Amino acid sequence: MTCQTKIVANTNAGHLPQNKNFQREGRSCVRYKCGLLNTIQDVLRQRPNWVEVKDDGEWDFNWCDVGWLRENFGHTYMEEHVRINHFRNHYELTRKNLMVKNLKRYQKNLERDMGRTEASRCDFFPCTFALPSEYHLFVEEFNRSPGSTWIMKPVAKSQGKGIFLFRKLKDIMDWKKVIYFMKGFLVNETAINRHSAYHIDAHTVLTQDGTRSEEQKDAAQVESYVAQRYIENPYLINGNELSEKCTLIVNSYVPLKAWLYRDGFARFSSTRFSLSSIDDKYMHLTNVSVQKTAPDYDPEKGCKWQMQQLRRYLTAKHGREMVETLFKEMDNIFVRSLQSVQKVIINDKHCFELYGYDILLDQNLKPWLIEVNASPSHTPSSQEDYEMKCRLLEDTLNVVDMERRLTGKEKRVGGYDLMWNDGPVYREDVNLQTSGSSCFTANTHLGCVNDREKQLRQLLKPFPYQKKM
């Protein structure tokens, strides 16, 4: 296939030729670059008239990993139509410590400007402290509730890596034994063990007088964690803990424009829940990457429910009204969390972000925001999971709309529903006069029927360059 589009993006480019006809007449193909080797690669390869480029080839669309973004974004020239799948400082929401920092600041500002009632709408994340910077604050809170369970997590790792639960300060006393290098004190070697919050290179131990070479300074690496109050009363199904995984896409922060996907899934632990054992990762972590290593894991059965199945189960057990309230509170989490970083994210018209939200329910059907992923896993755990991820990624590309088949006025594209467009987007049957900004019925249908193929047939015209067969 021959692609007629002129140069549009190149990490080595300086001033590149403009292609004015590109925007006015459409393109003969979309050239894409993909740095991942999972489901997204399959979806991109199967998209009509999309052509993959290798290495330093010119591209219109780039699905990159965050490492590539960090190294190349600042010196990559991009024309008007070019799109890339991350905002430059996406980590403001997706690093665990920064997410909590931004949420706390946002909540504090709400309380100052609009009062405690409005600020209470942000009471959806557990009590959390960033370590080592907030260690002393954490100890004060820890001592106020002796016997409580806490969970420790590396701020920048995923898939359950490095996580452990604890109830006693002595379980993390190694934190206290490690003195932050910038303060110039002696490092205690006993700090390096399975619970250490710091990753320390073996050659960075200081001399007895506290001095260190420049090589030692450069080698010193401190890994931050968060200490978070553990939800001790999680919602259980058949005695097992679960968490919900929801996906939304943001294609602008100024103004904020976000779409929520109808499909999602619940991830289950494989061991019946009990607080009597806090060392069992198969009991307390629902990550599929963790659960699939369990001795009794059944790959055919898996450890997931589709969101529609979970919603039906909850409705049958608790009634429609309670479940509607639950999903409205989840809508509130999505919107408030995005608003908390709206002023700090570097908005760029070339960027979009696909976020994966981890939500935990407690016994009162209160949803808690656990974390947000900038690179949600697209590696399938089963054939059903693969098909669901393919649908989601296909619709993500439909929302990004490289082919320019949308008008910009759509409230739904495939499985995505527009939930925020510089303000709440309401369902068609909502009376706007009775819907306040702090309690609205969003145009969201998480866990509802996803008749995406029918909707797409009605919505999208054929590709302008696609030949009829």
Protein backbone atom coordinates (compact mmCIF):
# COMPACT_ATOMS: atom_id res chain seq x y z
CA MET A 1 0.00 0.00 0.00
CA THR A 2 1.31 3.45 -0.89
CA CYS A 3 0.79 6.30 1.52
CA GLN A 4 0.50 9.80 0.05
CA THR A 5 0.66 11.77 3.29
CA LYS A 6 3.65 14.06 3.63
CA ILE A 7 6.00 14.04 6.62
CA VAL A 8 4.02 14.75 9.76
CA ALA A 9 6.01 13.55 12.75
CA ASN A 10 9.63 12.65 13.20
CA THR A 11 11.81 12.63 16.28
CA ASN A 12 14.67 14.00 14.18
CA ALA A 13 12.60 16.68 12.45
CA GLY A 14 13.19 20.38 12.58
CA HIS A 15 10.92 22.35 10.28
CA LEU A 16 8.82 19.96 8.22
CA PRO A 17 6.65 20.76 5.20
CA GLN A 18 3.02 21.53 5.90
CA ASN A 19 0.35 19.51 4.13
CA LYS A 20 -2.65 21.82 3.81
CA ASN A 21 -4.61 19.40 1.64
CA PHE A 22 -4.26 16.76 4.36
CA GLN A 23 -6.70 18.51 6.66
CA ARG A 24 -9.12 19.54 3.94
CA GLU A 25 -9.34 16.45 1.78
CA GLY A 26 -8.50 13.55 4.10
CA ARG A 27 -5.61 11.13 3.76
CA SER A 28 -5.09 7.99 1.73
CA CYS A 29 -3.83 6.15 4.79
CA VAL A 30 -2.86 6.66 8.42
CA ARG A 31 0.72 5.84 9.27
CA TYR A 32 1.11 4.56 12.80
CA LYS A 33 3.92 3.69 15.15
CA CYS A 34 3.36 1.25 18.03
CA GLY A 35 5.82 0.45 20.78
CA LEU A 36 3.78 -2.35 22.36
CA LEU A 37 3.35 -5.98 21.34
CA ASN A 38 -0.08 -6.88 22.70
CA THR A 39 -3.72 -6.42 21.75
CA ILE A 40 -3.28 -2.82 20.54
CA GLN A 41 -0.86 -4.03 17.87
CA ASP A 42 -3.50 -6.47 16.56
CA VAL A 43 -6.17 -3.76 16.50
CA LEU A 44 -3.94 -1.28 14.67
CA ARG A 45 -2.90 -3.85 12.06
CA GLN A 46 -6.51 -4.77 11.33
CA ARG A 47 -7.73 -1.19 10.94
CA PRO A 48 -8.52 -0.39 7.30
CA ASN A 49 -5.84 1.67 5.56
CA TRP A 50 -3.60 2.06 8.59
CA VAL A 51 0.04 1.36 7.76
CA GLU A 52 2.74 0.59 10.33
CA VAL A 53 6.06 2.43 10.19
CA LYS A 54 9.24 1.22 11.83
CA ASP A 55 12.09 2.87 13.70
CA ASP A 56 12.39 6.55 12.76
CA GLY A 57 9.77 6.51 10.02
CA GLU A 58 7.33 9.41 9.80
CA TRP A 59 4.00 8.78 11.53
CA ASP A 60 0.55 10.29 11.97
CA PHE A 61 -0.38 8.27 15.07
CA ASN A 62 1.83 6.92 17.83
CA TRP A 63 0.79 4.43 20.51
CA CYS A 64 3.93 4.64 22.62
CA ASP A 65 5.00 3.51 26.05
CA VAL A 66 5.76 6.09 28.73
CA GLY A 67 9.49 5.49 28.36
CA TRP A 68 9.43 6.58 24.72
CA LEU A 69 7.33 9.60 25.66
CA ARG A 70 9.77 10.70 28.34
CA GLU A 71 12.75 10.47 25.99
CA ASN A 72 11.25 11.87 22.77
CA PHE A 73 8.22 14.10 23.35
CA GLY A 74 10.18 17.29 23.93
CA HIS A 75 11.93 17.16 20.56
CA THR A 76 9.28 15.63 18.34
CA TYR A 77 7.70 17.88 15.74
CA MET A 78 3.98 17.24 15.26
CA GLU A 79 1.63 18.70 12.69
CA GLU A 80 -1.96 19.63 13.41
CA HIS A 81 -3.54 16.24 12.83
CA VAL A 82 -0.92 14.07 14.60
CA ARG A 83 -2.00 12.16 17.74
CA ILE A 84 -0.09 10.43 20.54
CA ASN A 85 -1.56 8.37 23.37
CA HIS A 86 -0.16 10.19 26.42
CA PHE A 87 -0.14 13.69 27.82
CA ARG A 88 3.35 14.83 28.66
CA ASN A 89 2.91 14.77 32.46
CA HIS A 90 0.26 12.06 32.66
CA TYR A 91 1.90 10.87 35.88
CA GLU A 92 0.18 13.64 37.86
CA LEU A 93 -2.81 11.31 38.03
CA THR A 94 -1.22 7.91 37.56
CA ARG A 95 1.61 7.95 40.11
CA LYS A 96 0.06 6.95 43.40
CA ASN A 97 1.68 9.68 45.48
CA LEU A 98 0.93 12.47 42.99
CA MET A 99 -2.67 11.34 42.55
CA VAL A 100 -3.26 11.65 46.30
CA LYS A 101 -1.37 14.94 46.48
CA ASN A 102 -3.52 16.46 43.73
CA LEU A 103 -6.74 15.09 45.21
CA LYS A 104 -5.91 16.50 48.65
CA ARG A 105 -5.13 19.92 47.20
CA TYR A 106 -8.30 19.89 45.11
CA GLN A 107 -10.41 18.91 48.13
CA LYS A 108 -8.82 21.60 50.27
CA ASN A 109 -9.54 24.24 47.63
CA LEU A 110 -13.14 23.04 47.35
CA GLU A 111 -13.62 23.37 51.08
CA ARG A 112 -12.15 26.87 51.05
CA ASP A 113 -14.20 28.07 48.08
CA MET A 114 -17.46 26.11 48.37
CA GLY A 115 -17.64 24.64 51.86
CA ARG A 116 -17.26 21.29 53.55
CA THR A 117 -20.34 19.73 51.93
CA GLU A 118 -18.92 20.15 48.45
CA ALA A 119 -15.47 19.06 49.59
CA SER A 120 -16.97 15.88 51.07
CA ARG A 121 -17.73 14.79 47.50
CA CYS A 122 -14.02 13.96 47.34
CA ASP A 123 -14.08 11.57 50.30
CA PHE A 124 -13.49 8.60 48.02
CA PHE A 125 -9.80 7.80 48.54
CA PRO A 126 -8.36 6.07 51.62
CA CYS A 127 -6.16 7.92 54.09
CA THR A 128 -2.77 7.94 52.37
CA PHE A 129 0.73 9.22 53.09
CA ALA A 130 3.71 9.58 50.77
CA LEU A 131 6.87 8.06 52.17
CA PRO A 132 9.51 9.04 53.04
CA SER A 133 8.41 12.70 52.87
CA GLU A 134 5.34 12.26 55.12
CA TYR A 135 6.69 9.57 57.39
CA HIS A 136 6.21 11.53 60.62
CA LEU A 137 2.62 12.46 59.69
CA PHE A 138 1.98 8.82 58.92
CA VAL A 139 3.29 7.72 62.32
CA GLU A 140 0.98 10.20 64.06
CA GLU A 141 -2.04 8.83 62.21
CA PHE A 142 -0.91 5.24 62.72
CA ASN A 143 -0.73 5.75 66.48
CA ARG A 144 -4.26 7.18 66.58
CA SER A 145 -5.72 3.84 65.47
CA PRO A 146 -3.60 1.01 66.84
CA GLY A 147 -4.34 -2.38 65.33
CA SER A 148 -5.53 -1.02 62.00
CA THR A 149 -4.30 -2.59 58.80
CA TRP A 150 -2.24 -0.57 56.34
CA ILE A 151 -0.98 -1.36 52.88
CA MET A 152 2.34 -0.26 51.42
CA LYS A 153 2.71 0.32 47.67
CA PRO A 154 5.55 1.54 45.43
CA VAL A 155 4.35 4.74 43.78
CA ALA A 156 5.43 3.86 40.24
CA LYS A 157 4.96 0.11 39.97
CA SER A 158 1.96 -1.88 38.78
CA GLN A 159 0.58 -5.42 38.69
CA GLY A 160 0.84 -5.81 42.46
CA LYS A 161 4.64 -5.58 42.54
CA GLY A 162 6.20 -4.58 45.86
CA ILE A 163 2.91 -4.41 47.80
CA PHE A 164 2.55 -5.70 51.35
CA LEU A 165 0.19 -5.27 54.32
CA PHE A 166 1.24 -4.48 57.87
CA ARG A 167 -0.20 -3.70 61.32
CA LYS A 168 2.90 -2.87 63.33
CA LEU A 169 5.44 -0.12 62.87
CA LYS A 170 8.25 -2.59 63.45
CA ASP A 171 7.26 -4.18 60.13
CA ILE A 172 8.53 -1.06 58.37
CA MET A 173 11.15 0.13 60.83
CA ASP A 174 13.67 -0.31 58.04
CA TRP A 175 12.25 2.92 56.66
CA LYS A 176 13.43 4.76 59.70
CA LYS A 177 16.87 3.20 59.54
CA VAL A 178 17.48 4.55 56.05
CA ILE A 179 18.35 8.24 56.07
CA TYR A 180 17.62 10.13 52.91
CA PHE A 181 20.89 10.69 51.07
CA MET A 182 20.36 14.38 50.41
CA LYS A 183 20.58 15.02 54.15
CA GLY A 184 24.09 13.61 54.13
CA PHE A 185 23.82 11.11 56.97
CA LEU A 186 25.09 7.58 57.27
CA VAL A 187 23.10 4.82 55.56
CA ASN A 188 22.30 1.79 57.67
CA GLU A 189 22.81 -1.34 55.58
CA THR A 190 20.18 -3.27 57.53
CA ALA A 191 17.60 -1.19 55.71
CA ILE A 192 17.84 -3.34 52.64
CA ASN A 193 15.37 -6.17 53.05
CA ARG A 194 12.04 -7.34 51.70
CA HIS A 195 10.10 -4.43 53.25
CA SER A 196 12.54 -1.67 52.43
CA ALA A 197 10.90 1.35 50.85
CA TYR A 198 14.17 2.37 49.30
CA HIS A 199 16.02 0.75 46.45
CA ILE A 200 19.69 1.33 47.24
CA ASP A 201 22.55 0.41 44.99
CA ALA A 202 25.12 -1.77 46.75
CA HIS A 203 27.86 0.82 46.11
CA THR A 204 26.06 3.79 47.66
CA VAL A 205 26.80 3.14 51.35
CA LEU A 206 28.43 6.21 52.83
CA THR A 207 31.68 6.35 54.72
CA GLN A 208 31.64 6.73 58.49
CA ASP A 209 32.14 10.50 58.31
CA GLY A 210 29.08 10.85 56.08
CA THR A 211 30.99 11.80 52.94
CA ARG A 212 30.37 10.24 49.56
CA SER A 213 31.92 10.38 46.13
CA GLU A 214 30.24 11.89 43.12
CA GLU A 215 29.78 8.37 41.77
CA GLN A 216 27.98 7.41 44.96
CA LYS A 217 25.75 10.46 44.70
CA ASP A 218 24.79 9.57 41.16
CA ALA A 219 24.18 5.94 42.06
CA ALA A 220 21.87 6.69 44.97
CA GLN A 221 18.30 5.83 44.06
CA VAL A 222 15.42 6.28 46.46
CA GLU A 223 12.15 4.59 45.63
CA SER A 224 9.05 6.23 47.11
CA TYR A 225 6.07 4.36 48.50
CA VAL A 226 2.63 5.27 49.77
CA ALA A 227 1.23 3.97 53.04
CA GLN A 228 -2.53 3.68 52.72
CA ARG A 229 -5.17 2.67 55.21
CA TYR A 230 -6.45 -0.71 54.09
CA ILE A 231 -10.17 -1.12 53.44
CA GLU A 232 -10.90 -3.70 56.14
CA ASN A 233 -14.54 -4.25 55.19
CA PRO A 234 -14.42 -4.94 51.44
CA TYR A 235 -17.47 -6.08 49.54
CA LEU A 236 -17.31 -9.84 49.08
CA ILE A 237 -18.90 -12.20 46.58
CA ASN A 238 -18.77 -15.84 47.63
CA GLY A 239 -16.33 -14.76 50.33
CA ASN A 240 -13.81 -13.28 47.89
CA GLU A 241 -12.66 -9.69 47.56
CA LEU A 242 -13.09 -7.89 44.24
CA SER A 243 -12.09 -4.66 42.56
CA GLU A 244 -13.56 -2.99 39.50
CA LYS A 245 -11.57 -1.94 36.46
CA CYS A 246 -13.10 0.90 34.45
CA THR A 247 -11.76 2.69 31.39
CA LEU A 248 -12.15 6.24 30.21
CA ILE A 249 -10.46 8.38 27.60
CA VAL A 250 -9.58 12.06 27.88
CA ASN A 251 -8.90 13.84 24.60
CA SER A 252 -8.61 17.33 26.12
CA TYR A 253 -8.01 18.88 29.53
CA VAL A 254 -8.66 22.47 28.40
CA PRO A 255 -11.56 22.24 28.08
CA LEU A 256 -11.98 18.93 29.88
CA LYS A 257 -13.53 16.31 27.62
CA ALA A 258 -13.87 12.72 28.86
CA TRP A 259 -15.57 9.56 27.64
CA LEU A 260 -16.45 6.54 29.81
CA TYR A 261 -16.52 3.04 28.34
CA ARG A 262 -19.58 0.86 28.95
CA ASP A 263 -17.65 -2.35 29.39
CA GLY A 264 -15.33 -3.09 32.27
CA PHE A 265 -14.71 -5.98 34.59
CA ALA A 266 -14.43 -7.05 38.20
CA ARG A 267 -11.27 -8.86 39.31
CA PHE A 268 -11.53 -11.40 42.11
CA SER A 269 -9.07 -12.79 44.61
CA SER A 270 -8.76 -16.57 44.56
CA THR A 271 -8.68 -17.04 48.35
CA ARG A 272 -11.56 -16.31 50.72
CA PHE A 273 -11.07 -13.02 52.52
CA SER A 274 -9.93 -12.88 56.14
CA LEU A 275 -8.09 -10.29 58.19
CA SER A 276 -6.46 -13.03 60.22
CA SER A 277 -3.87 -13.47 57.50
CA ILE A 278 -2.39 -10.34 55.95
CA ASP A 279 0.55 -12.02 54.22
CA ASP A 280 -1.50 -13.93 51.62
CA LYS A 281 -1.27 -11.99 48.36
CA TYR A 282 -3.85 -14.24 46.72
CA MET A 283 -6.35 -13.09 49.34
CA HIS A 284 -5.71 -9.34 49.38
CA LEU A 285 -4.55 -8.47 45.85
CA THR A 286 -6.94 -8.83 42.92
CA ASN A 287 -4.39 -8.10 40.17
CA VAL A 288 -4.69 -10.72 37.44
CA SER A 289 -0.90 -10.84 37.16
CA VAL A 290 -0.85 -11.96 40.82
CA GLN A 291 -3.87 -14.28 40.75
CA LYS A 292 -2.74 -16.25 37.71
CA THR A 293 0.28 -17.46 39.70
CA ALA A 294 -1.97 -18.98 42.39
CA PRO A 295 -1.62 -22.77 42.68
CA ASP A 296 -5.33 -23.34 42.02
CA TYR A 297 -5.73 -20.75 39.24
CA ASP A 298 -7.89 -22.01 36.37
CA PRO A 299 -7.06 -20.17 33.12
CA GLU A 300 -10.33 -21.31 31.53
CA LYS A 301 -12.41 -19.95 34.39
CA GLY A 302 -10.18 -16.95 35.06
CA CYS A 303 -10.80 -14.49 37.88
CA LYS A 304 -12.96 -11.87 36.17
CA TRP A 305 -16.59 -10.93 35.71
CA GLN A 306 -17.75 -8.62 32.97
CA MET A 307 -19.14 -5.34 34.35
CA GLN A 308 -22.61 -6.20 33.04
CA GLN A 309 -22.59 -9.40 35.08
CA LEU A 310 -21.49 -7.55 38.21
CA ARG A 311 -24.16 -4.89 37.77
CA ARG A 312 -26.86 -7.55 37.35
CA TYR A 313 -25.65 -9.36 40.47
CA LEU A 314 -25.64 -6.19 42.58
CA THR A 315 -29.07 -5.14 41.30
CA ALA A 316 -30.58 -8.53 42.11
CA LYS A 317 -29.12 -8.46 45.62
CA HIS A 318 -29.47 -4.80 46.60
CA GLY A 319 -32.09 -3.32 44.31
CA ARG A 320 -31.89 -0.91 41.41
CA GLU A 321 -31.89 2.28 43.50
CA MET A 322 -28.82 1.36 45.55
CA VAL A 323 -26.91 0.26 42.47
CA GLU A 324 -27.82 3.45 40.59
CA THR A 325 -26.45 5.42 43.55
CA LEU A 326 -23.26 3.37 43.49
CA PHE A 327 -22.62 4.03 39.82
CA LYS A 328 -23.39 7.75 40.25
CA GLU A 329 -20.76 7.86 42.99
CA MET A 330 -18.32 6.20 40.60
CA ASP A 331 -19.13 8.86 38.00
CA ASN A 332 -18.28 11.42 40.67
CA ILE A 333 -14.89 9.74 41.23
CA PHE A 334 -14.04 9.86 37.54
CA VAL A 335 -14.93 13.53 37.12
CA ARG A 336 -13.45 14.82 40.39
CA SER A 337 -10.17 12.98 39.88
CA LEU A 338 -9.78 14.50 36.41
CA GLN A 339 -10.66 17.94 37.73
CA SER A 340 -8.02 17.55 40.44
CA VAL A 341 -5.27 17.48 37.80
CA GLN A 342 -6.89 19.68 35.18
CA LYS A 343 -4.76 22.71 36.08
CA VAL A 344 -1.48 20.82 36.30
CA ILE A 345 -1.67 18.55 33.25
CA ILE A 346 0.10 20.10 30.27
CA ASN A 347 -2.72 20.18 27.75
CA ASP A 348 -1.77 19.46 24.16
CA LYS A 349 -4.12 19.08 21.22
CA HIS A 350 -1.99 16.23 19.91
CA CYS A 351 -2.50 14.11 23.03
CA PHE A 352 -5.13 11.82 24.45
CA GLU A 353 -5.01 9.50 27.44
CA LEU A 354 -6.60 6.13 28.09
CA TYR A 355 -6.99 5.71 31.85
CA GLY A 356 -7.66 2.52 33.75
CA TYR A 357 -9.40 3.14 37.10
CA ASP A 358 -9.17 0.66 39.97
CA ILE A 359 -12.25 0.94 42.21
CA LEU A 360 -12.80 -1.06 45.39
CA LEU A 361 -16.24 -1.48 46.98
CA ASP A 362 -16.82 -1.78 50.72
CA GLN A 363 -19.66 -3.59 52.44
CA ASN A 364 -21.79 -0.43 52.31
CA LEU A 365 -21.42 -0.28 48.51
CA LYS A 366 -19.22 2.78 48.82
CA PRO A 367 -16.68 2.98 45.98
CA TRP A 368 -13.05 3.81 46.81
CA LEU A 369 -10.50 5.01 44.29
CA ILE A 370 -7.40 2.85 44.68
CA GLU A 371 -5.30 3.97 41.71
CA VAL A 372 -5.35 5.12 38.10
CA ASN A 373 -3.19 3.57 35.37
CA ALA A 374 -1.88 5.48 32.35
CA SER A 375 -1.03 2.23 30.60
CA PRO A 376 -3.81 -0.19 31.52
CA SER A 377 -2.90 -3.73 30.63
CA HIS A 378 -4.03 -4.82 27.18
CA THR A 379 -2.60 -8.31 27.59
CA PRO A 380 -5.62 -10.64 27.63
CA SER A 381 -6.18 -13.33 30.23
CA SER A 382 -8.71 -15.28 28.11
CA GLN A 383 -10.38 -15.23 24.70
CA GLU A 384 -13.35 -13.33 26.12
CA ASP A 385 -10.98 -10.79 27.66
CA TYR A 386 -9.14 -10.43 24.35
CA GLU A 387 -12.36 -9.72 22.47
CA MET A 388 -13.43 -7.13 25.06
CA LYS A 389 -10.05 -5.36 24.87
CA CYS A 390 -10.22 -5.36 21.08
CA ARG A 391 -13.64 -3.69 21.16
CA LEU A 392 -12.42 -1.10 23.64
CA LEU A 393 -9.30 -0.26 21.63
CA GLU A 394 -11.22 -0.11 18.35
CA ASP A 395 -13.62 2.37 19.91
CA THR A 396 -10.73 4.33 21.38
CA LEU A 397 -9.44 4.82 17.84
CA ASN A 398 -12.96 5.78 16.77
CA VAL A 399 -13.05 8.51 19.42
CA VAL A 400 -9.59 9.78 18.48
CA ASP A 401 -10.95 9.82 14.90
CA MET A 402 -7.85 10.02 12.74
CA GLU A 403 -10.14 9.44 9.73
CA ARG A 404 -12.23 12.52 10.58
CA ARG A 405 -15.61 10.88 10.31
CA LEU A 406 -17.12 12.53 13.41
CA THR A 407 -18.79 15.94 13.61
CA GLY A 408 -17.62 16.75 17.15
CA LYS A 409 -21.19 16.84 18.47
CA GLU A 410 -21.50 13.13 19.26
CA LYS A 411 -22.52 12.03 22.74
CA ARG A 412 -21.72 8.41 22.03
CA VAL A 413 -19.13 6.64 19.87
CA GLY A 414 -19.38 2.86 19.97
CA GLY A 415 -19.03 1.77 23.58
CA TYR A 416 -17.92 5.22 24.77
CA ASP A 417 -20.35 7.73 26.26
CA LEU A 418 -19.37 11.39 26.55
CA MET A 419 -19.60 12.10 30.29
CA TRP A 420 -17.97 15.54 30.47
CA ASN A 421 -17.54 18.26 27.87
CA ASP A 422 -16.46 21.42 29.67
CA GLY A 423 -19.31 20.57 32.02
CA PRO A 424 -21.55 17.57 32.75
CA VAL A 425 -23.18 15.83 29.81
CA TYR A 426 -26.68 14.74 30.75
CA ARG A 427 -28.74 11.86 29.54
CA GLU A 428 -31.49 12.77 27.15
CA ASP A 429 -34.25 12.16 29.71
CA VAL A 430 -32.76 14.30 32.50
CA ASN A 431 -34.49 17.49 33.58
CA LEU A 432 -31.68 20.05 33.58
CA GLN A 433 -33.58 22.34 35.96
CA THR A 434 -33.43 19.76 38.73
CA SER A 435 -29.84 18.61 38.22
CA GLY A 436 -27.17 20.41 40.19
CA SER A 437 -23.47 20.49 39.32
CA SER A 438 -22.56 18.49 42.41
CA CYS A 439 -25.19 15.80 41.91
CA PHE A 440 -25.88 15.14 38.25
CA THR A 441 -27.05 12.18 36.22
CA ALA A 442 -24.18 11.81 33.82
CA ASN A 443 -24.47 10.48 30.31
CA THR A 444 -22.83 7.24 31.42
CA HIS A 445 -23.91 3.63 31.04
CA LEU A 446 -21.18 1.65 32.78
CA GLY A 447 -22.21 -1.99 32.97
CA CYS A 448 -25.20 -1.47 30.69
CA VAL A 449 -25.88 -2.96 27.26
CA ASN A 450 -23.11 -2.21 24.79
CA ASP A 451 -24.69 -2.43 21.35
CA ARG A 452 -21.67 -0.74 19.85
CA GLU A 453 -21.77 -2.37 16.41
CA LYS A 454 -25.30 -1.18 15.75
CA GLN A 455 -24.47 2.30 17.03
CA LEU A 456 -21.33 2.53 14.92
CA ARG A 457 -23.18 1.51 11.77
CA GLN A 458 -25.59 4.37 12.34
CA LEU A 459 -22.91 6.86 13.32
CA LEU A 460 -19.91 6.35 11.08
CA LYS A 461 -19.76 6.80 7.38
CA PRO A 462 -17.49 4.43 5.45
CA PHE A 463 -13.84 5.40 5.36
CA PRO A 464 -13.62 8.11 2.68
CA TYR A 465 -10.80 6.22 0.93
CA GLN A 466 -12.16 2.72 1.50
CA LYS A 467 -13.22 0.98 -1.71
CA LYS A 468 -16.56 -0.75 -1.84
CA MET A 469 -16.27 -4.49 -2.29
